[in-house]
N, C-alpha and C. Protein backbone atom coordinates (compact mmCIF):
# COMPACT_ATOMS: atom_id res chain seq x y z
N MET A 1 5.80 -11.69 -11.16
CA MET A 1 5.41 -11.63 -9.47
C MET A 1 4.18 -11.73 -8.78
N ALA A 2 3.20 -11.22 -10.14
CA ALA A 2 2.13 -11.18 -9.43
C ALA A 2 1.31 -12.68 -9.20
N ARG A 3 2.11 -13.41 -10.43
CA ARG A 3 1.47 -14.76 -10.52
C ARG A 3 2.47 -15.91 -9.17
N MET A 4 3.22 -15.38 -8.85
CA MET A 4 3.66 -16.21 -7.54
C MET A 4 2.82 -15.42 -6.59
N PHE A 5 2.11 -14.24 -6.37
CA PHE A 5 1.87 -14.03 -5.40
C PHE A 5 0.12 -15.16 -5.20
N GLY A 6 -0.18 -14.97 -6.42
CA GLY A 6 -1.62 -15.86 -6.33
C GLY A 6 -1.09 -16.94 -5.94
N TYR A 7 0.27 -18.13 -6.63
CA TYR A 7 0.29 -18.97 -6.06
C TYR A 7 0.37 -19.20 -4.37
N PHE A 8 1.01 -18.16 -4.00
CA PHE A 8 0.61 -18.51 -2.67
C PHE A 8 -0.05 -18.10 -1.90
N LEU A 9 -0.92 -17.23 -1.64
CA LEU A 9 -1.86 -17.38 -1.14
C LEU A 9 -2.98 -18.54 -1.81
N LEU A 10 -3.13 -18.86 -2.65
CA LEU A 10 -3.45 -20.61 -3.01
C LEU A 10 -2.97 -21.55 -2.12
N LEU A 11 -1.90 -21.27 -2.03
CA LEU A 11 -1.47 -22.81 -1.20
C LEU A 11 -1.43 -22.30 0.47
N VAL A 12 -1.38 -20.98 0.68
CA VAL A 12 -1.73 -20.54 2.22
C VAL A 12 -3.55 -21.09 2.43
N LEU A 13 -4.59 -21.00 1.68
CA LEU A 13 -5.88 -21.49 1.44
C LEU A 13 -5.79 -22.90 1.07
N VAL A 14 -4.96 -23.53 0.51
CA VAL A 14 -5.50 -24.72 0.89
C VAL A 14 -4.59 -25.15 2.01
N LEU A 15 -3.74 -24.55 3.00
CA LEU A 15 -3.69 -25.58 4.08
C LEU A 15 -4.31 -24.58 5.03
N MET A 16 -4.86 -24.04 5.21
CA MET A 16 -6.35 -23.26 5.97
C MET A 16 -7.56 -24.25 5.56
N ILE A 17 -7.45 -24.72 4.66
CA ILE A 17 -8.91 -25.89 4.50
C ILE A 17 -8.27 -26.72 5.40
N VAL A 18 -7.27 -27.29 5.04
CA VAL A 18 -6.82 -28.68 5.55
C VAL A 18 -6.53 -28.79 6.73
N THR A 19 -6.27 -27.79 7.62
CA THR A 19 -5.94 -27.60 9.06
C THR A 19 -7.05 -27.58 9.17
N VAL A 20 -8.10 -26.90 8.93
CA VAL A 20 -9.58 -27.07 9.97
C VAL A 20 -10.01 -28.04 9.39
N ALA A 21 -9.84 -29.56 8.19
CA ALA A 21 -10.69 -30.43 8.16
C ALA A 21 -9.76 -31.42 9.18
N ILE A 22 -8.31 -31.27 9.51
CA ILE A 22 -7.82 -32.17 10.47
C ILE A 22 -8.23 -31.85 11.69
N ARG A 23 -8.54 -30.61 11.96
CA ARG A 23 -8.75 -30.21 13.49
C ARG A 23 -10.25 -30.42 13.85
N ASN A 24 -11.23 -30.65 12.96
CA ASN A 24 -12.34 -31.14 13.33
C ASN A 24 -13.23 -31.79 11.97
N PRO A 25 -12.74 -33.22 12.58
CA PRO A 25 -12.87 -34.31 11.33
C PRO A 25 -14.13 -34.72 11.22
N ALA A 26 -14.76 -34.31 12.27
CA ALA A 26 -16.39 -34.76 12.74
C ALA A 26 -17.06 -34.19 12.72
N THR A 27 -17.16 -32.96 12.93
CA THR A 27 -17.84 -31.76 13.25
C THR A 27 -18.60 -31.53 12.13
N THR A 28 -20.47 -31.77 12.42
CA THR A 28 -21.19 -31.50 11.19
C THR A 28 -22.18 -30.69 11.53
N VAL A 29 -22.63 -29.77 10.54
CA VAL A 29 -23.52 -28.72 10.37
C VAL A 29 -25.06 -28.47 9.51
N ASP A 30 -25.66 -28.36 10.12
CA ASP A 30 -26.67 -27.90 9.15
C ASP A 30 -27.05 -26.62 8.36
N VAL A 31 -27.27 -26.88 7.24
CA VAL A 31 -27.13 -25.84 5.89
C VAL A 31 -28.26 -25.71 5.53
N ASP A 32 -29.31 -24.46 6.05
CA ASP A 32 -30.72 -24.32 5.40
C ASP A 32 -30.22 -23.40 4.66
N LEU A 33 -30.84 -23.78 3.59
CA LEU A 33 -31.09 -22.48 2.10
C LEU A 33 -32.65 -22.52 2.10
N TYR A 34 -32.77 -21.21 1.26
CA TYR A 34 -34.11 -21.03 0.51
C TYR A 34 -34.77 -22.11 -0.32
N PHE A 35 -34.09 -23.19 -0.78
CA PHE A 35 -34.20 -24.16 -1.47
C PHE A 35 -34.50 -25.16 -1.19
N GLY A 36 -33.85 -25.68 0.22
CA GLY A 36 -34.09 -26.91 1.05
C GLY A 36 -33.18 -26.91 2.26
N LYS A 37 -32.87 -28.07 2.97
CA LYS A 37 -32.27 -27.70 4.14
C LYS A 37 -31.17 -29.04 4.17
N PHE A 38 -30.10 -28.82 4.48
CA PHE A 38 -28.97 -30.41 4.37
C PHE A 38 -28.89 -30.34 5.90
N ILE A 39 -28.71 -31.60 6.16
CA ILE A 39 -28.69 -31.34 7.99
C ILE A 39 -27.38 -32.79 7.43
N ASP A 40 -26.56 -32.42 8.61
CA ASP A 40 -25.38 -33.21 9.17
C ASP A 40 -24.44 -32.67 7.66
N VAL A 41 -23.98 -32.02 7.30
CA VAL A 41 -23.05 -31.68 6.33
C VAL A 41 -21.79 -31.29 6.56
N PRO A 42 -20.53 -32.08 6.76
CA PRO A 42 -19.29 -31.64 7.29
C PRO A 42 -18.85 -30.22 7.16
N LEU A 43 -18.52 -29.93 8.01
CA LEU A 43 -17.66 -28.51 8.16
C LEU A 43 -17.27 -28.34 7.39
N VAL A 44 -15.83 -29.08 6.88
CA VAL A 44 -15.12 -28.41 5.52
C VAL A 44 -15.78 -28.28 4.45
N GLN A 45 -16.64 -29.43 4.25
CA GLN A 45 -17.64 -29.78 2.77
C GLN A 45 -18.23 -28.19 2.60
N ALA A 46 -19.24 -27.94 3.87
CA ALA A 46 -19.86 -26.18 3.53
C ALA A 46 -18.61 -25.19 3.44
N LEU A 47 -17.99 -25.43 3.94
CA LEU A 47 -16.85 -24.28 3.70
C LEU A 47 -16.16 -24.53 2.40
N PHE A 48 -15.89 -25.45 1.67
CA PHE A 48 -15.36 -25.04 1.01
C PHE A 48 -16.53 -24.92 -0.31
N VAL A 49 -17.95 -25.33 -0.43
CA VAL A 49 -18.69 -24.97 -1.40
C VAL A 49 -19.25 -23.48 -1.09
N ALA A 50 -18.85 -23.34 0.18
CA ALA A 50 -19.07 -21.52 0.23
C ALA A 50 -18.24 -20.76 -0.88
N PHE A 51 -17.18 -21.08 -0.43
CA PHE A 51 -15.93 -20.46 -1.13
C PHE A 51 -15.71 -20.60 -2.58
N LEU A 52 -15.98 -22.33 -2.74
CA LEU A 52 -16.44 -21.90 -4.45
C LEU A 52 -17.35 -21.23 -5.02
N LEU A 53 -18.53 -21.10 -4.52
CA LEU A 53 -19.47 -20.16 -4.66
C LEU A 53 -19.11 -18.57 -5.02
N GLY A 54 -18.52 -18.45 -3.77
CA GLY A 54 -17.46 -16.72 -4.20
C GLY A 54 -16.96 -16.49 -5.19
N SER A 55 -16.09 -17.77 -5.35
CA SER A 55 -15.01 -17.45 -6.56
C SER A 55 -15.81 -17.57 -7.80
N LEU A 56 -16.78 -18.58 -7.48
CA LEU A 56 -17.59 -18.13 -9.17
C LEU A 56 -18.44 -16.79 -9.23
N MET A 57 -18.82 -16.13 -8.23
CA MET A 57 -18.87 -14.91 -8.03
C MET A 57 -18.39 -13.67 -8.66
N THR A 58 -17.55 -13.81 -7.71
CA THR A 58 -15.77 -12.76 -8.52
C THR A 58 -15.28 -13.15 -9.55
N PHE A 59 -15.39 -14.16 -9.84
CA PHE A 59 -15.03 -14.48 -11.65
C PHE A 59 -15.91 -14.05 -12.87
N LEU A 60 -16.82 -14.32 -12.24
CA LEU A 60 -18.23 -13.81 -13.11
C LEU A 60 -17.84 -12.03 -13.48
N SER A 61 -18.11 -11.65 -11.85
CA SER A 61 -17.77 -10.26 -12.00
C SER A 61 -16.71 -9.54 -12.75
N LEU A 62 -15.66 -10.16 -12.39
CA LEU A 62 -14.07 -9.28 -13.13
C LEU A 62 -14.73 -9.74 -14.46
N VAL A 63 -15.00 -10.93 -14.98
CA VAL A 63 -15.06 -11.20 -16.57
C VAL A 63 -16.11 -10.22 -17.21
N GLY A 64 -17.16 -9.55 -16.81
CA GLY A 64 -17.85 -8.54 -16.58
C GLY A 64 -16.89 -7.25 -16.86
N ASN A 65 -16.41 -6.88 -16.01
CA ASN A 65 -15.80 -5.65 -15.86
C ASN A 65 -14.44 -5.85 -16.95
N THR A 66 -14.00 -6.82 -17.36
CA THR A 66 -13.06 -7.11 -18.24
C THR A 66 -13.83 -6.86 -19.81
N ILE A 67 -14.74 -7.49 -20.09
CA ILE A 67 -15.69 -7.19 -20.97
C ILE A 67 -16.01 -5.74 -21.09
N ARG A 68 -16.21 -4.88 -20.75
CA ARG A 68 -16.29 -3.19 -20.61
C ARG A 68 -15.11 -3.06 -20.74
N LEU A 69 -14.23 -2.97 -20.16
CA LEU A 69 -13.11 -2.08 -20.57
C LEU A 69 -12.37 -2.35 -21.70
N LYS A 70 -12.62 -3.20 -22.08
CA LYS A 70 -11.84 -4.09 -23.39
C LYS A 70 -12.75 -3.53 -24.58
N PHE A 71 -13.96 -3.07 -24.34
CA PHE A 71 -15.10 -2.13 -25.12
C PHE A 71 -14.72 -0.83 -25.40
N SER A 72 -14.32 -0.76 -24.35
CA SER A 72 -13.48 0.97 -23.68
C SER A 72 -12.31 1.47 -24.11
N ILE A 73 -11.59 0.34 -24.25
CA ILE A 73 -10.44 0.72 -24.50
C ILE A 73 -10.26 0.70 -26.58
N ARG A 74 -11.33 -0.55 -27.18
CA ARG A 74 -11.34 -0.53 -28.38
C ARG A 74 -11.78 0.80 -29.15
N LYS A 75 -12.93 1.25 -28.24
CA LYS A 75 -13.11 2.85 -28.84
C LYS A 75 -12.38 3.73 -28.93
N LEU A 76 -11.89 3.84 -27.88
CA LEU A 76 -10.35 4.74 -27.23
C LEU A 76 -9.52 4.73 -28.40
N THR A 77 -9.21 3.16 -28.35
CA THR A 77 -8.45 3.84 -29.68
C THR A 77 -8.67 4.33 -31.03
N GLY A 78 -10.00 3.62 -31.23
CA GLY A 78 -10.61 4.14 -32.69
C GLY A 78 -10.16 5.58 -32.69
N ARG A 79 -10.66 6.28 -31.48
CA ARG A 79 -10.30 7.93 -31.52
C ARG A 79 -9.05 8.24 -31.35
N ILE A 80 -8.07 7.46 -30.77
CA ILE A 80 -6.98 7.85 -31.09
C ILE A 80 -6.17 8.08 -32.49
N ARG A 81 -6.74 7.08 -33.24
CA ARG A 81 -6.57 6.68 -34.70
C ARG A 81 -6.95 7.93 -35.61
N GLU A 82 -8.25 8.32 -34.86
CA GLU A 82 -8.67 9.59 -36.04
C GLU A 82 -8.23 10.79 -35.54
N TYR A 83 -7.58 11.20 -34.26
CA TYR A 83 -6.61 12.10 -33.58
C TYR A 83 -5.63 11.96 -34.29
N GLU A 84 -4.75 11.02 -34.88
CA GLU A 84 -3.74 10.95 -35.53
C GLU A 84 -3.76 11.33 -36.95
N GLN A 85 -4.78 10.84 -37.71
CA GLN A 85 -5.05 10.90 -38.80
C GLN A 85 -5.31 12.35 -39.06
N GLU A 86 -5.75 13.17 -37.89
CA GLU A 86 -5.93 14.86 -38.32
C GLU A 86 -4.84 15.55 -38.15
N LEU A 87 -4.17 14.54 -36.96
CA LEU A 87 -2.74 15.61 -37.03
C LEU A 87 -1.50 15.43 -38.03
N THR A 88 -1.86 14.27 -38.73
CA THR A 88 -1.17 14.02 -39.61
C THR A 88 -1.43 14.73 -40.60
N ALA A 89 -2.69 15.23 -41.28
CA ALA A 89 -3.26 16.70 -42.54
C ALA A 89 -2.68 17.70 -41.91
N ILE A 90 -2.87 17.81 -40.52
CA ILE A 90 -2.00 19.13 -40.44
C ILE A 90 -1.10 19.80 -40.17
N ARG A 91 -0.11 18.71 -39.77
CA ARG A 91 1.12 18.40 -40.63
C ARG A 91 1.50 18.44 -41.98
N ASN A 92 0.73 18.01 -42.87
CA ASN A 92 1.07 18.29 -44.14
C ASN A 92 0.59 19.67 -44.99
N ILE A 93 -0.20 19.96 -44.21
CA ILE A 93 -0.51 21.81 -45.03
C ILE A 93 0.81 22.37 -45.13
N PRO A 94 1.23 22.67 -46.63
CA PRO A 94 2.11 23.54 -46.71
C PRO A 94 2.84 24.95 -46.15
N VAL A 95 3.68 24.83 -45.31
CA VAL A 95 4.05 26.12 -45.22
C VAL A 95 4.17 27.36 -45.60
N GLU A 96 4.05 27.18 -46.80
CA GLU A 96 3.69 28.42 -47.92
C GLU A 96 2.06 28.91 -47.70
N GLU A 97 1.42 27.76 -47.49
CA GLU A 97 -0.07 28.31 -47.53
C GLU A 97 -0.39 29.00 -46.04
N SER A 98 0.49 28.52 -45.02
CA SER A 98 0.33 29.05 -43.97
C SER A 98 0.94 30.44 -43.31
N ALA A 99 1.98 30.54 -43.99
CA ALA A 99 2.53 32.09 -44.18
C ALA A 99 1.85 32.86 -45.00
N ARG A 100 1.01 32.64 -45.68
CA ARG A 100 0.12 33.33 -46.78
C ARG A 100 -0.64 34.02 -45.75
N ARG A 101 -1.07 33.15 -45.36
CA ARG A 101 -2.69 33.29 -44.51
C ARG A 101 -2.07 33.89 -43.13
N GLU A 102 -1.16 34.16 -42.66
CA GLU A 102 -0.45 35.11 -41.78
C GLU A 102 -0.40 36.51 -42.55
N GLU A 103 0.44 36.32 -43.30
CA GLU A 103 0.88 37.70 -44.19
C GLU A 103 -1.21 38.33 -44.37
N GLU A 104 -2.23 38.06 -44.72
CA GLU A 104 -3.55 38.34 -45.16
C GLU A 104 -3.90 38.80 -43.69
N SER A 105 -3.49 38.17 -42.48
CA SER A 105 -4.51 38.25 -41.29
C SER A 105 -3.69 39.33 -40.81
N SER A 106 -2.52 39.59 -40.89
CA SER A 106 -1.84 40.92 -40.30
C SER A 106 -1.87 42.58 -41.08
N PRO A 107 -2.16 43.03 -40.39
CA PRO A 107 -2.37 45.00 -41.00
C PRO A 107 -1.52 44.78 -41.95
N ALA A 108 -1.78 45.87 -42.65
CA ALA A 108 -0.66 46.34 -43.85
C ALA A 108 0.12 47.43 -43.31
N VAL A 109 1.63 47.07 -43.06
CA VAL A 109 2.63 48.26 -42.76
C VAL A 109 2.60 49.26 -43.55
N ALA A 110 2.58 50.77 -43.87
CA ALA A 110 2.47 51.59 -44.35
C ALA A 110 4.22 52.00 -44.40
N GLY A 111 4.77 51.66 -46.02
CA GLY A 111 6.13 52.03 -45.91
C GLY A 111 6.33 53.31 -46.05
N PRO A 112 7.86 53.53 -46.03
CA PRO A 112 8.11 55.16 -46.30
C PRO A 112 7.55 56.15 -47.24
N GLU A 113 7.23 57.60 -47.32
CA GLU A 113 6.76 58.29 -48.66
C GLU A 113 7.94 59.03 -49.07
């Protein structure tokens, strides 16, 4: 379902770009960046490059988050494994030993004399 939603959003984006390109065939803009100035760049090309750069930055951000989350998952999986081993060890303590410990810890009841 999520994949279909992604394809739908991509289709909408492509249709928007095509619509802007058709409605503004000769519109040009000047793009002034820190490292240079581009004169008479087609509007559609400027928008497309801006979209690609935004997509690239989003992708890099998501890759960083994914790596961080995978590291956390690996760490937590190791802790779960340790806790399961500890629980198994506790479950394997003989019942007699725990009953004897209970008898030793409870006060002795005096019998009838």
